């Protein structure tokens, strides 16, 4: 979706980088990760999805799907996390995270597209089946408000699966796992040389996918068949920017919810 014209015109006067995000969302985390890697100053607008802070006319006026993240840069609004990554890369090209030969550039685009395409049917479905649906029951009033605000048919269909006391099924989860396994089969091969997803350079592809691994681990996804992916992920976890953008924000959500951070388990929703 990229750059949009918001109906909430209050954000048009914003200066600098303003990020609407939530602590444990992998989509929001990838944007924070790029901001930290580029050492860009940014202002946080934390949206508590557990409290349904996104289900409001004010926020839907910024992001027409009511999801996070949303970036505002000097009054220009950008939505969809992978579009935000490329937008920031274009605006702030140093340091460069597309520093690969021309013939490998399409591979970066492929992995960005893949993570976006898999978000609803695979990543988000898996997490909702495992964790989020139970954490995010909507009252009848909240469901009615969401239905009025949400215009995207895919989002309506997705959230309809756990409305009115319904839940995601084992069949939904199996389909999600199958899609994820197909993606990780390709990724396992791509990083077999011990490098990164695209060549031997750390790129937007790694920035897009690494927080998703964190999210899937919390849901209990089995990465045992993917030792190369595990090694690649452990290497990225050690980066200071990842620690700040992903790990520390997850800790903040855990402490805010009064949960012991040493005990595995969700303290806030994982997905937007």
C-alpha atoms as a PDB file:
ATOM      1  CA  UNK A   1       0.000   0.000   0.000  1.00  0.00           C
ATOM      2  CA  UNK A   2       2.898   2.347   0.760  1.00  0.00           C
ATOM      3  CA  UNK A   3       2.223   6.074   0.952  1.00  0.00           C
ATOM      4  CA  UNK A   4      -1.407   6.960   1.670  1.00  0.00           C
ATOM      5  CA  UNK A   5      -3.508  10.044   2.269  1.00  0.00           C
ATOM      6  CA  UNK A   6      -4.843   9.817   5.834  1.00  0.00           C
ATOM      7  CA  UNK A   7      -8.337  10.931   6.805  1.00  0.00           C
ATOM      8  CA  UNK A   8      -6.970  11.795  10.255  1.00  0.00           C
ATOM      9  CA  UNK A   9      -5.370  15.037   9.173  1.00  0.00           C
ATOM     10  CA  UNK A  10      -3.832  15.715  12.576  1.00  0.00           C
ATOM     11  CA  UNK A  11      -0.759  13.693  11.571  1.00  0.00           C
ATOM     12  CA  UNK A  12      -0.048  15.918   8.560  1.00  0.00           C
ATOM     13  CA  UNK A  13       1.649  18.442  10.820  1.00  0.00           C
ATOM     14  CA  UNK A  14       3.976  15.867  12.419  1.00  0.00           C
ATOM     15  CA  UNK A  15       7.707  16.477  12.070  1.00  0.00           C
ATOM     16  CA  UNK A  16      10.425  13.850  12.022  1.00  0.00           C
ATOM     17  CA  UNK A  17       9.881  10.101  12.185  1.00  0.00           C
ATOM     18  CA  UNK A  18       6.791   9.028  14.123  1.00  0.00           C
ATOM     19  CA  UNK A  19       6.035   5.313  14.459  1.00  0.00           C
ATOM     20  CA  UNK A  20       2.723   3.799  15.519  1.00  0.00           C
ATOM     21  CA  UNK A  21       3.577   0.306  16.709  1.00  0.00           C
ATOM     22  CA  UNK A  22       3.073  -2.319  19.366  1.00  0.00           C
ATOM     23  CA  UNK A  23       5.777  -4.011  21.363  1.00  0.00           C
ATOM     24  CA  UNK A  24       5.501  -7.639  20.259  1.00  0.00           C
ATOM     25  CA  UNK A  25       4.263  -7.347  16.686  1.00  0.00           C
ATOM     26  CA  UNK A  26       6.777  -8.818  14.248  1.00  0.00           C
ATOM     27  CA  UNK A  27       5.602  -6.334  11.597  1.00  0.00           C
ATOM     28  CA  UNK A  28       6.277  -3.392  13.888  1.00  0.00           C
ATOM     29  CA  UNK A  29       9.533  -4.933  15.083  1.00  0.00           C
ATOM     30  CA  UNK A  30      11.014  -5.104  11.591  1.00  0.00           C
ATOM     31  CA  UNK A  31      10.471  -1.358  11.174  1.00  0.00           C
ATOM     32  CA  UNK A  32      12.003  -0.618  14.586  1.00  0.00           C
ATOM     33  CA  UNK A  33      14.918  -2.869  13.611  1.00  0.00           C
ATOM     34  CA  UNK A  34      15.663  -0.896  10.455  1.00  0.00           C
ATOM     35  CA  UNK A  35      15.374   2.396  12.350  1.00  0.00           C
ATOM     36  CA  UNK A  36      17.880   1.136  14.915  1.00  0.00           C
ATOM     37  CA  UNK A  37      20.238  -0.240  12.251  1.00  0.00           C
ATOM     38  CA  UNK A  38      20.222   3.142  10.529  1.00  0.00           C
ATOM     39  CA  UNK A  39      20.501   4.944  13.903  1.00  0.00           C
ATOM     40  CA  UNK A  40      17.557   7.165  13.046  1.00  0.00           C
ATOM     41  CA  UNK A  41      15.794   9.075  15.846  1.00  0.00           C
ATOM     42  CA  UNK A  42      12.087   8.321  16.053  1.00  0.00           C
ATOM     43  CA  UNK A  43       9.095   9.076  18.242  1.00  0.00           C
ATOM     44  CA  UNK A  44       7.089   6.180  19.640  1.00  0.00           C
ATOM     45  CA  UNK A  45       3.299   6.021  19.538  1.00  0.00           C
ATOM     46  CA  UNK A  46       2.629   2.711  21.239  1.00  0.00           C
ATOM     47  CA  UNK A  47      -0.731   1.110  20.422  1.00  0.00           C
ATOM     48  CA  UNK A  48      -1.942  -1.449  22.962  1.00  0.00           C
ATOM     49  CA  UNK A  49      -3.765  -3.974  20.805  1.00  0.00           C
ATOM     50  CA  UNK A  50      -4.821  -5.926  23.868  1.00  0.00           C
ATOM     51  CA  UNK A  51      -6.835  -2.888  24.951  1.00  0.00           C
ATOM     52  CA  UNK A  52      -8.164  -2.505  21.382  1.00  0.00           C
ATOM     53  CA  UNK A  53      -6.590   0.953  21.115  1.00  0.00           C
ATOM     54  CA  UNK A  54      -6.393   0.446  17.351  1.00  0.00           C
ATOM     55  CA  UNK A  55     -10.171   0.071  16.985  1.00  0.00           C
ATOM     56  CA  UNK A  56     -10.951   3.766  16.820  1.00  0.00           C
ATOM     57  CA  UNK A  57     -11.842   6.294  14.164  1.00  0.00           C
ATOM     58  CA  UNK A  58      -8.658   8.190  15.035  1.00  0.00           C
ATOM     59  CA  UNK A  59      -6.358   5.266  14.298  1.00  0.00           C
ATOM     60  CA  UNK A  60      -8.268   3.955  11.286  1.00  0.00           C
ATOM     61  CA  UNK A  61      -7.890   7.497   9.985  1.00  0.00           C
ATOM     62  CA  UNK A  62      -4.126   6.916   9.990  1.00  0.00           C
ATOM     63  CA  UNK A  63      -4.085   3.276   8.904  1.00  0.00           C
ATOM     64  CA  UNK A  64      -7.155   2.192   6.874  1.00  0.00           C
ATOM     65  CA  UNK A  65      -6.767  -1.420   8.023  1.00  0.00           C
ATOM     66  CA  UNK A  66      -6.351  -0.465  11.674  1.00  0.00           C
ATOM     67  CA  UNK A  67      -3.122  -2.448  11.990  1.00  0.00           C
ATOM     68  CA  UNK A  68       0.423  -1.627  13.025  1.00  0.00           C
ATOM     69  CA  UNK A  69       2.890  -0.350  12.065  1.00  0.00           C
ATOM     70  CA  UNK A  70       2.160   3.048  10.563  1.00  0.00           C
ATOM     71  CA  UNK A  71       4.973   5.488   9.867  1.00  0.00           C
ATOM     72  CA  UNK A  72       4.590   9.251   9.615  1.00  0.00           C
ATOM     73  CA  UNK A  73       7.584  11.163   8.277  1.00  0.00           C
ATOM     74  CA  UNK A  74       7.172  14.926   8.130  1.00  0.00           C
ATOM     75  CA  UNK A  75       3.435  14.488   7.566  1.00  0.00           C
ATOM     76  CA  UNK A  76       3.757  11.721   4.961  1.00  0.00           C
ATOM     77  CA  UNK A  77       2.004   8.498   6.035  1.00  0.00           C
ATOM     78  CA  UNK A  78       3.307   5.077   5.026  1.00  0.00           C
ATOM     79  CA  UNK A  79       1.653   1.767   5.913  1.00  0.00           C
ATOM     80  CA  UNK A  80       2.458  -1.945   5.424  1.00  0.00           C
ATOM     81  CA  UNK A  81       5.704  -2.877   7.142  1.00  0.00           C
ATOM     82  CA  UNK A  82       7.683  -4.040   4.120  1.00  0.00           C
ATOM     83  CA  UNK A  83       6.673  -0.938   2.177  1.00  0.00           C
ATOM     84  CA  UNK A  84       7.893   1.106   5.144  1.00  0.00           C
ATOM     85  CA  UNK A  85      11.248  -0.715   5.031  1.00  0.00           C
ATOM     86  CA  UNK A  86      11.764   0.183   1.382  1.00  0.00           C
ATOM     87  CA  UNK A  87      10.525   3.750   1.961  1.00  0.00           C
ATOM     88  CA  UNK A  88      13.075   4.276   4.736  1.00  0.00           C
ATOM     89  CA  UNK A  89      15.810   2.666   2.649  1.00  0.00           C
ATOM     90  CA  UNK A  90      15.070   5.121  -0.166  1.00  0.00           C
ATOM     91  CA  UNK A  91      14.913   8.118   2.182  1.00  0.00           C
ATOM     92  CA  UNK A  92      18.019   7.185   4.180  1.00  0.00           C
ATOM     93  CA  UNK A  93      20.259   5.107   1.887  1.00  0.00           C
ATOM     94  CA  UNK A  94      23.285   5.149   4.224  1.00  0.00           C
ATOM     95  CA  UNK A  95      23.953   2.642   5.638  1.00  0.00           C
ATOM     96  CA  UNK A  96      22.628   0.619   2.730  1.00  0.00           C
ATOM     97  CA  UNK A  97      20.648  -2.574   3.272  1.00  0.00           C
ATOM     98  CA  UNK A  98      20.339  -3.447  -0.405  1.00  0.00           C
ATOM     99  CA  UNK A  99      24.100  -3.662  -0.886  1.00  0.00           C
ATOM    100  CA  UNK A 100      24.132  -6.671  -3.201  1.00  0.00           C
ATOM    101  CA  UNK A 101      24.896  -7.047  -6.926  1.00  0.00           C
ATOM    102  CA  UNK A 102      22.190  -6.036  -9.392  1.00  0.00           C
ATOM    103  CA  UNK A 103      21.348  -9.629 -10.223  1.00  0.00           C
ATOM    104  CA  UNK A 104      20.491 -10.289  -6.546  1.00  0.00           C
ATOM    105  CA  UNK A 105      18.230  -7.254  -6.065  1.00  0.00           C
ATOM    106  CA  UNK A 106      15.111  -9.167  -7.201  1.00  0.00           C
ATOM    107  CA  UNK A 107      15.783 -11.741  -4.481  1.00  0.00           C
ATOM    108  CA  UNK A 108      15.458  -9.064  -1.801  1.00  0.00           C
ATOM    109  CA  UNK A 109      12.155  -8.022  -3.354  1.00  0.00           C
ATOM    110  CA  UNK A 110      11.025 -11.663  -3.437  1.00  0.00           C
ATOM    111  CA  UNK A 111      11.634 -12.193   0.288  1.00  0.00           C
ATOM    112  CA  UNK A 112       9.946  -8.913   1.207  1.00  0.00           C
ATOM    113  CA  UNK A 113       6.933  -9.887  -0.885  1.00  0.00           C
ATOM    114  CA  UNK A 114       6.927 -13.384   0.577  1.00  0.00           C
ATOM    115  CA  UNK A 115       6.802 -12.170   4.176  1.00  0.00           C
ATOM    116  CA  UNK A 116       3.948  -9.842   3.283  1.00  0.00           C
ATOM    117  CA  UNK A 117       2.007 -12.476   1.352  1.00  0.00           C
ATOM    118  CA  UNK A 118       2.345 -15.004   4.176  1.00  0.00           C
ATOM    119  CA  UNK A 119       1.357 -12.652   6.969  1.00  0.00           C
ATOM    120  CA  UNK A 120      -2.393 -13.341   7.075  1.00  0.00           C
ATOM    121  CA  UNK A 121      -2.654 -16.927   5.788  1.00  0.00           C
ATOM    122  CA  UNK A 122       0.396 -18.310   7.590  1.00  0.00           C
ATOM    123  CA  UNK A 123       2.191 -16.214  10.216  1.00  0.00           C
ATOM    124  CA  UNK A 124      -0.828 -14.502  11.719  1.00  0.00           C
ATOM    125  CA  UNK A 125      -3.071 -17.567  11.406  1.00  0.00           C
ATOM    126  CA  UNK A 126      -0.501 -19.751  13.199  1.00  0.00           C
ATOM    127  CA  UNK A 127      -0.119 -17.258  16.035  1.00  0.00           C
ATOM    128  CA  UNK A 128      -3.840 -16.730  16.450  1.00  0.00           C
ATOM    129  CA  UNK A 129      -4.436 -20.471  16.597  1.00  0.00           C
ATOM    130  CA  UNK A 130      -1.654 -20.943  19.137  1.00  0.00           C
ATOM    131  CA  UNK A 131      -1.953 -17.815  21.249  1.00  0.00           C
ATOM    132  CA  UNK A 132      -3.741 -14.699  20.129  1.00  0.00           C
ATOM    133  CA  UNK A 133      -7.356 -15.739  19.608  1.00  0.00           C
ATOM    134  CA  UNK A 134      -7.626 -16.685  23.272  1.00  0.00           C
ATOM    135  CA  UNK A 135      -5.998 -13.408  24.329  1.00  0.00           C
ATOM    136  CA  UNK A 136      -8.114 -11.198  22.103  1.00  0.00           C
ATOM    137  CA  UNK A 137     -11.794 -11.952  22.603  1.00  0.00           C
ATOM    138  CA  UNK A 138     -13.923  -9.027  21.464  1.00  0.00           C
ATOM    139  CA  UNK A 139     -17.077  -7.946  23.173  1.00  0.00           C
ATOM    140  CA  UNK A 140     -20.164  -7.623  20.989  1.00  0.00           C
ATOM    141  CA  UNK A 141     -19.673  -3.857  21.091  1.00  0.00           C
ATOM    142  CA  UNK A 142     -16.033  -4.154  19.979  1.00  0.00           C
ATOM    143  CA  UNK A 143     -16.982  -6.507  17.144  1.00  0.00           C
ATOM    144  CA  UNK A 144     -19.640  -4.094  15.962  1.00  0.00           C
ATOM    145  CA  UNK A 145     -17.235  -1.147  16.099  1.00  0.00           C
ATOM    146  CA  UNK A 146     -14.538  -3.107  14.244  1.00  0.00           C
ATOM    147  CA  UNK A 147     -16.985  -4.199  11.534  1.00  0.00           C
ATOM    148  CA  UNK A 148     -17.986  -0.565  10.937  1.00  0.00           C
ATOM    149  CA  UNK A 149     -14.406   0.676  10.737  1.00  0.00           C
ATOM    150  CA  UNK A 150     -12.775  -2.172   8.829  1.00  0.00           C
ATOM    151  CA  UNK A 151     -13.276  -2.019   5.053  1.00  0.00           C
ATOM    152  CA  UNK A 152     -10.692  -4.606   4.003  1.00  0.00           C
ATOM    153  CA  UNK A 153     -12.444  -7.910   3.138  1.00  0.00           C
ATOM    154  CA  UNK A 154      -9.435 -10.076   4.006  1.00  0.00           C
ATOM    155  CA  UNK A 155      -9.128  -8.536   7.458  1.00  0.00           C
ATOM    156  CA  UNK A 156     -12.864  -8.911   8.039  1.00  0.00           C
ATOM    157  CA  UNK A 157     -12.731 -12.566   7.002  1.00  0.00           C
ATOM    158  CA  UNK A 158      -9.699 -13.241   9.190  1.00  0.00           C
ATOM    159  CA  UNK A 159     -11.131 -11.696  12.345  1.00  0.00           C
ATOM    160  CA  UNK A 160     -14.497 -13.226  11.599  1.00  0.00           C
ATOM    161  CA  UNK A 161     -12.930 -16.604  12.309  1.00  0.00           C
ATOM    162  CA  UNK A 162     -12.619 -15.797  16.000  1.00  0.00           C
ATOM    163  CA  UNK A 163     -15.661 -13.603  16.475  1.00  0.00           C
ATOM    164  CA  UNK A 164     -18.787 -14.577  18.358  1.00  0.00           C
ATOM    165  CA  UNK A 165     -16.946 -17.202  20.372  1.00  0.00           C
ATOM    166  CA  UNK A 166     -15.575 -18.996  17.300  1.00  0.00           C
ATOM    167  CA  UNK A 167     -11.938 -20.052  16.994  1.00  0.00           C
ATOM    168  CA  UNK A 168      -9.347 -20.959  14.389  1.00  0.00           C
ATOM    169  CA  UNK A 169      -9.363 -24.642  13.568  1.00  0.00           C
ATOM    170  CA  UNK A 170      -6.652 -27.270  13.455  1.00  0.00           C
ATOM    171  CA  UNK A 171      -7.147 -27.294   9.698  1.00  0.00           C
ATOM    172  CA  UNK A 172      -6.369 -23.558   9.612  1.00  0.00           C
ATOM    173  CA  UNK A 173      -3.202 -24.191  11.626  1.00  0.00           C
ATOM    174  CA  UNK A 174      -2.109 -27.103   9.432  1.00  0.00           C
ATOM    175  CA  UNK A 175      -2.523 -24.959   6.318  1.00  0.00           C
ATOM    176  CA  UNK A 176      -0.473 -22.178   7.928  1.00  0.00           C
ATOM    177  CA  UNK A 177       2.310 -24.580   8.922  1.00  0.00           C
ATOM    178  CA  UNK A 178       2.412 -26.008   5.394  1.00  0.00           C
ATOM    179  CA  UNK A 179       2.873 -22.531   3.911  1.00  0.00           C
ATOM    180  CA  UNK A 180       5.549 -21.678   6.469  1.00  0.00           C
ATOM    181  CA  UNK A 181       7.420 -24.917   5.820  1.00  0.00           C
ATOM    182  CA  UNK A 182       7.487 -24.155   2.104  1.00  0.00           C
ATOM    183  CA  UNK A 183       9.009 -20.746   2.820  1.00  0.00           C
ATOM    184  CA  UNK A 184      11.564 -22.101   5.279  1.00  0.00           C
ATOM    185  CA  UNK A 185      12.552 -24.891   2.890  1.00  0.00           C
ATOM    186  CA  UNK A 186      13.578 -22.147   0.449  1.00  0.00           C
ATOM    187  CA  UNK A 187      15.244 -20.085   3.158  1.00  0.00           C
ATOM    188  CA  UNK A 188      17.191 -23.087   4.463  1.00  0.00           C
ATOM    189  CA  UNK A 189      18.660 -23.547   1.000  1.00  0.00           C
ATOM    190  CA  UNK A 190      19.290 -19.837   0.471  1.00  0.00           C
ATOM    191  CA  UNK A 191      21.477 -19.541   3.586  1.00  0.00           C
ATOM    192  CA  UNK A 192      23.172 -22.915   3.288  1.00  0.00           C
ATOM    193  CA  UNK A 193      26.517 -21.207   2.702  1.00  0.00           C
ATOM    194  CA  UNK A 194      26.384 -19.654   6.152  1.00  0.00           C
ATOM    195  CA  UNK A 195      25.597 -16.189   4.877  1.00  0.00           C
ATOM    196  CA  UNK A 196      22.378 -14.253   4.922  1.00  0.00           C
ATOM    197  CA  UNK A 197      19.113 -14.714   3.045  1.00  0.00           C
ATOM    198  CA  UNK A 198      20.385 -12.891  -0.044  1.00  0.00           C
ATOM    199  CA  UNK A 199      24.052 -13.482  -0.734  1.00  0.00           C
ATOM    200  CA  UNK A 200      26.474 -12.779   2.079  1.00  0.00           C
ATOM    201  CA  UNK A 201      25.170  -9.337   2.996  1.00  0.00           C
ATOM    202  CA  UNK A 202      22.737  -8.384   5.749  1.00  0.00           C
ATOM    203  CA  UNK A 203      19.831  -6.844   3.847  1.00  0.00           C
ATOM    204  CA  UNK A 204      16.208  -5.808   4.128  1.00  0.00           C
ATOM    205  CA  UNK A 205      15.328  -9.483   3.625  1.00  0.00           C
ATOM    206  CA  UNK A 206      16.986 -10.401   6.940  1.00  0.00           C
ATOM    207  CA  UNK A 207      15.470  -7.367   8.657  1.00  0.00           C
ATOM    208  CA  UNK A 208      12.005  -8.352   7.451  1.00  0.00           C
ATOM    209  CA  UNK A 209      12.195 -12.025   8.423  1.00  0.00           C
ATOM    210  CA  UNK A 210      14.213 -12.183  11.649  1.00  0.00           C
ATOM    211  CA  UNK A 211      11.530 -10.689  13.970  1.00  0.00           C
ATOM    212  CA  UNK A 212       9.049 -13.135  12.435  1.00  0.00           C
ATOM    213  CA  UNK A 213      11.222 -15.996  13.681  1.00  0.00           C
ATOM    214  CA  UNK A 214      10.990 -14.528  17.188  1.00  0.00           C
ATOM    215  CA  UNK A 215       7.215 -14.449  16.915  1.00  0.00           C
ATOM    216  CA  UNK A 216       6.930 -17.989  15.564  1.00  0.00           C
ATOM    217  CA  UNK A 217       9.220 -19.330  18.293  1.00  0.00           C
ATOM    218  CA  UNK A 218       6.849 -17.862  20.893  1.00  0.00           C
ATOM    219  CA  UNK A 219       4.028 -19.821  19.259  1.00  0.00           C
ATOM    220  CA  UNK A 220       6.000 -23.045  19.346  1.00  0.00           C
ATOM    221  CA  UNK A 221       6.792 -23.392  15.645  1.00  0.00           C
ATOM    222  CA  UNK A 222       9.232 -26.279  15.063  1.00  0.00           C
ATOM    223  CA  UNK A 223      12.467 -24.999  13.551  1.00  0.00           C
ATOM    224  CA  UNK A 224      14.225 -28.330  14.149  1.00  0.00           C
ATOM    225  CA  UNK A 225      14.204 -29.209  10.423  1.00  0.00           C
ATOM    226  CA  UNK A 226      15.896 -25.892   9.631  1.00  0.00           C
ATOM    227  CA  UNK A 227      19.341 -25.773  11.292  1.00  0.00           C
ATOM    228  CA  UNK A 228      20.635 -23.166   8.842  1.00  0.00           C
ATOM    229  CA  UNK A 229      17.711 -20.896   9.671  1.00  0.00           C
ATOM    230  CA  UNK A 230      18.369 -21.396  13.377  1.00  0.00           C
ATOM    231  CA  UNK A 231      22.073 -20.521  12.993  1.00  0.00           C
ATOM    232  CA  UNK A 232      21.254 -17.471  10.864  1.00  0.00           C
ATOM    233  CA  UNK A 233      18.684 -16.288  13.414  1.00  0.00           C
ATOM    234  CA  UNK A 234      21.056 -16.718  16.356  1.00  0.00           C
ATOM    235  CA  UNK A 235      23.631 -14.630  14.509  1.00  0.00           C
ATOM    236  CA  UNK A 236      21.141 -11.808  13.956  1.00  0.00           C
ATOM    237  CA  UNK A 237      19.866 -11.910  17.541  1.00  0.00           C
ATOM    238  CA  UNK A 238      23.344 -10.861  18.676  1.00  0.00           C
ATOM    239  CA  UNK A 239      23.184  -7.599  16.746  1.00  0.00           C
ATOM    240  CA  UNK A 240      22.756  -4.617  19.122  1.00  0.00           C
ATOM    241  CA  UNK A 241      19.987  -3.192  16.936  1.00  0.00           C
ATOM    242  CA  UNK A 242      18.006  -6.441  17.185  1.00  0.00           C
ATOM    243  CA  UNK A 243      18.410  -6.500  20.946  1.00  0.00           C
ATOM    244  CA  UNK A 244      17.064  -2.952  21.190  1.00  0.00           C
ATOM    245  CA  UNK A 245      14.322  -3.127  18.551  1.00  0.00           C
ATOM    246  CA  UNK A 246      12.973  -6.613  19.248  1.00  0.00           C
ATOM    247  CA  UNK A 247      14.144  -8.121  22.544  1.00  0.00           C
ATOM    248  CA  UNK A 248      13.961  -5.014  24.724  1.00  0.00           C
ATOM    249  CA  UNK A 249      10.530  -4.050  23.435  1.00  0.00           C
ATOM    250  CA  UNK A 250       9.254  -7.561  24.153  1.00  0.00           C
ATOM    251  CA  UNK A 251      10.592  -7.238  27.689  1.00  0.00           C
ATOM    252  CA  UNK A 252       8.777  -3.932  28.107  1.00  0.00           C
ATOM    253  CA  UNK A 253       5.505  -5.589  27.139  1.00  0.00           C
ATOM    254  CA  UNK A 254       6.183  -8.454  29.522  1.00  0.00           C
ATOM    255  CA  UNK A 255       6.903  -6.223  32.504  1.00  0.00           C
ATOM    256  CA  UNK A 256       3.918  -3.994  31.706  1.00  0.00           C
ATOM    257  CA  UNK A 257       1.663  -7.043  31.861  1.00  0.00           C
ATOM    258  CA  UNK A 258       3.167  -8.167  35.169  1.00  0.00           C
ATOM    259  CA  UNK A 259       4.587 -11.351  33.684  1.00  0.00           C
ATOM    260  CA  UNK A 260       7.927 -12.839  34.693  1.00  0.00           C
ATOM    261  CA  UNK A 261      10.116 -12.365  31.557  1.00  0.00           C
ATOM    262  CA  UNK A 262      12.005 -15.585  32.339  1.00  0.00           C
ATOM    263  CA  UNK A 263       8.809 -17.591  31.813  1.00  0.00           C
ATOM    264  CA  UNK A 264       7.972 -18.198  28.134  1.00  0.00           C
ATOM    265  CA  UNK A 265       4.571 -16.911  27.216  1.00  0.00           C
ATOM    266  CA  UNK A 266       2.790 -13.976  25.606  1.00  0.00           C
ATOM    267  CA  UNK A 267       2.310 -10.772  27.528  1.00  0.00           C
ATOM    268  CA  UNK A 268       0.800  -8.901  24.600  1.00  0.00           C
ATOM    269  CA  UNK A 269      -0.524  -9.860  21.201  1.00  0.00           C
ATOM    270  CA  UNK A 270       2.086 -10.852  18.657  1.00  0.00           C
ATOM    271  CA  UNK A 271       0.435  -9.655  15.487  1.00  0.00           C
ATOM    272  CA  UNK A 272      -1.403  -6.625  14.324  1.00  0.00           C
END
